[in-house]
Amino acid sequence: MGYWFLLLTVRVLSRRPGAQMTPFEFVLIPLIGGVIILTTIGDDHSDINTVCAVITVGLMHRLVSSLKQRFPLFGILVDGTPLVLLKKGE
């Protein structure tokens, strides 16, 4: 059950290819996987707790994403500033 819910959640939350994902989204996927593993391997094997934990992480992702769009300074804080490695061939 946890695997299918994880697959559905990742499909709903992230519609971008890997090259366009933000660092925050790269952290999000292992975090959700870790939440599912903890609820699967731990003492509590409840599907409801697994779903609630994944939904909470997903909602927090949406909240941070909307705050990044509304407040650009917050986006810089979360994602950092881009580093230019190559500019006009130099």
C-alpha atoms as a PDB file:
ATOM      1  CA  MET A   1       0.000   0.000   0.000  1.00  0.00           C
ATOM      2  CA  GLY A   2       2.775   2.437   0.923  1.00  0.00           C
ATOM      3  CA  TYR A   3       4.589   1.971  -2.388  1.00  0.00           C
ATOM      4  CA  TRP A   4       1.492   2.729  -4.456  1.00  0.00           C
ATOM      5  CA  PHE A   5       0.679   5.785  -2.407  1.00  0.00           C
ATOM      6  CA  LEU A   6       4.277   6.999  -2.746  1.00  0.00           C
ATOM      7  CA  LEU A   7       4.106   6.528  -6.511  1.00  0.00           C
ATOM      8  CA  LEU A   8       0.841   8.463  -6.721  1.00  0.00           C
ATOM      9  CA  THR A   9       2.134  11.266  -4.507  1.00  0.00           C
ATOM     10  CA  VAL A  10       5.346  11.733  -6.470  1.00  0.00           C
ATOM     11  CA  ARG A  11       3.351  11.840  -9.732  1.00  0.00           C
ATOM     12  CA  VAL A  12       1.002  14.485  -8.318  1.00  0.00           C
ATOM     13  CA  LEU A  13       3.640  16.640  -6.596  1.00  0.00           C
ATOM     14  CA  SER A  14       6.385  16.677  -9.201  1.00  0.00           C
ATOM     15  CA  ARG A  15       5.552  17.110 -12.866  1.00  0.00           C
ATOM     16  CA  ARG A  16       9.033  18.212 -13.958  1.00  0.00           C
ATOM     17  CA  PRO A  17      11.855  16.131 -15.417  1.00  0.00           C
ATOM     18  CA  GLY A  18      14.878  15.474 -13.210  1.00  0.00           C
ATOM     19  CA  ALA A  19      16.982  18.212 -14.815  1.00  0.00           C
ATOM     20  CA  GLN A  20      14.421  20.861 -13.862  1.00  0.00           C
ATOM     21  CA  MET A  21      13.836  19.747 -10.274  1.00  0.00           C
ATOM     22  CA  THR A  22      14.856  22.086  -7.499  1.00  0.00           C
ATOM     23  CA  PRO A  23      17.176  20.932  -4.690  1.00  0.00           C
ATOM     24  CA  PHE A  24      14.152  21.013  -2.380  1.00  0.00           C
ATOM     25  CA  GLU A  25      12.363  18.467  -4.590  1.00  0.00           C
ATOM     26  CA  PHE A  26      15.429  16.216  -4.665  1.00  0.00           C
ATOM     27  CA  VAL A  27      15.251  16.107  -0.861  1.00  0.00           C
ATOM     28  CA  LEU A  28      11.489  15.587  -0.864  1.00  0.00           C
ATOM     29  CA  ILE A  29      11.503  12.211  -2.637  1.00  0.00           C
ATOM     30  CA  PRO A  30      13.887  10.390  -0.215  1.00  0.00           C
ATOM     31  CA  LEU A  31      12.067  12.055   2.696  1.00  0.00           C
ATOM     32  CA  ILE A  32       8.730  10.614   1.628  1.00  0.00           C
ATOM     33  CA  GLY A  33      10.386   7.234   1.039  1.00  0.00           C
ATOM     34  CA  GLY A  34      11.879   7.361   4.526  1.00  0.00           C
ATOM     35  CA  VAL A  35       8.485   8.163   6.031  1.00  0.00           C
ATOM     36  CA  ILE A  36       6.961   5.149   4.302  1.00  0.00           C
ATOM     37  CA  ILE A  37       9.805   2.879   5.416  1.00  0.00           C
ATOM     38  CA  LEU A  38       9.429   4.023   9.022  1.00  0.00           C
ATOM     39  CA  THR A  39       5.711   3.302   9.012  1.00  0.00           C
ATOM     40  CA  THR A  40       6.221  -0.034   7.227  1.00  0.00           C
ATOM     41  CA  ILE A  41       9.113  -1.403   9.280  1.00  0.00           C
ATOM     42  CA  GLY A  42       8.276   0.229  12.612  1.00  0.00           C
ATOM     43  CA  ASP A  43       5.861  -1.053  15.238  1.00  0.00           C
ATOM     44  CA  ASP A  44       2.868   0.697  13.665  1.00  0.00           C
ATOM     45  CA  HIS A  45       1.845  -0.904  10.353  1.00  0.00           C
ATOM     46  CA  SER A  46      -1.260   1.228   9.851  1.00  0.00           C
ATOM     47  CA  ASP A  47      -2.016   2.342   6.295  1.00  0.00           C
ATOM     48  CA  ILE A  48      -3.805   5.421   7.644  1.00  0.00           C
ATOM     49  CA  ASN A  49      -0.668   6.604   9.447  1.00  0.00           C
ATOM     50  CA  THR A  50       1.384   6.069   6.288  1.00  0.00           C
ATOM     51  CA  VAL A  51      -1.065   8.052   4.169  1.00  0.00           C
ATOM     52  CA  CYS A  52      -1.294  10.855   6.760  1.00  0.00           C
ATOM     53  CA  ALA A  53       2.493  11.121   7.011  1.00  0.00           C
ATOM     54  CA  VAL A  54       2.944  11.303   3.237  1.00  0.00           C
ATOM     55  CA  ILE A  55       0.101  13.813   2.844  1.00  0.00           C
ATOM     56  CA  THR A  56       1.677  15.987   5.538  1.00  0.00           C
ATOM     57  CA  VAL A  57       5.040  15.988   3.757  1.00  0.00           C
ATOM     58  CA  GLY A  58       3.288  16.695   0.438  1.00  0.00           C
ATOM     59  CA  LEU A  59       1.315  19.601   1.876  1.00  0.00           C
ATOM     60  CA  MET A  60       4.464  21.057   3.403  1.00  0.00           C
ATOM     61  CA  HIS A  61       6.081  20.832  -0.059  1.00  0.00           C
ATOM     62  CA  ARG A  62       3.156  22.731  -1.584  1.00  0.00           C
ATOM     63  CA  LEU A  63       3.325  25.346   1.190  1.00  0.00           C
ATOM     64  CA  VAL A  64       7.046  25.943   0.700  1.00  0.00           C
ATOM     65  CA  SER A  65       6.580  26.080  -3.086  1.00  0.00           C
ATOM     66  CA  SER A  66       3.848  28.685  -2.820  1.00  0.00           C
ATOM     67  CA  LEU A  67       5.878  30.729  -0.318  1.00  0.00           C
ATOM     68  CA  LYS A  68       8.828  30.643  -2.742  1.00  0.00           C
ATOM     69  CA  GLN A  69       6.628  32.037  -5.517  1.00  0.00           C
ATOM     70  CA  ARG A  70       5.071  34.716  -3.344  1.00  0.00           C
ATOM     71  CA  PHE A  71       8.266  35.799  -1.562  1.00  0.00           C
ATOM     72  CA  PRO A  72      11.367  35.627  -3.805  1.00  0.00           C
ATOM     73  CA  LEU A  73      13.666  36.181  -0.817  1.00  0.00           C
ATOM     74  CA  PHE A  74      12.260  33.037   0.777  1.00  0.00           C
ATOM     75  CA  GLY A  75      12.997  31.169  -2.473  1.00  0.00           C
ATOM     76  CA  ILE A  76      16.615  32.293  -2.328  1.00  0.00           C
ATOM     77  CA  LEU A  77      16.801  31.113   1.276  1.00  0.00           C
ATOM     78  CA  VAL A  78      15.394  27.667   0.437  1.00  0.00           C
ATOM     79  CA  ASP A  79      17.059  27.020  -2.943  1.00  0.00           C
ATOM     80  CA  GLY A  80      20.153  29.204  -2.649  1.00  0.00           C
ATOM     81  CA  THR A  81      21.530  31.447  -5.342  1.00  0.00           C
ATOM     82  CA  PRO A  82      22.623  30.014  -8.677  1.00  0.00           C
ATOM     83  CA  LEU A  83      26.331  29.796  -9.379  1.00  0.00           C
ATOM     84  CA  VAL A  84      27.400  30.746 -12.909  1.00  0.00           C
ATOM     85  CA  LEU A  85      30.066  28.301 -14.077  1.00  0.00           C
ATOM     86  CA  LEU A  86      30.250  29.276 -17.726  1.00  0.00           C
ATOM     87  CA  LYS A  87      29.331  32.673 -19.168  1.00  0.00           C
ATOM     88  CA  LYS A  88      29.773  33.451 -22.881  1.00  0.00           C
ATOM     89  CA  GLY A  89      32.273  30.623 -23.317  1.00  0.00           C
ATOM     90  CA  GLU A  90      34.505  31.666 -20.410  1.00  0.00           C
END
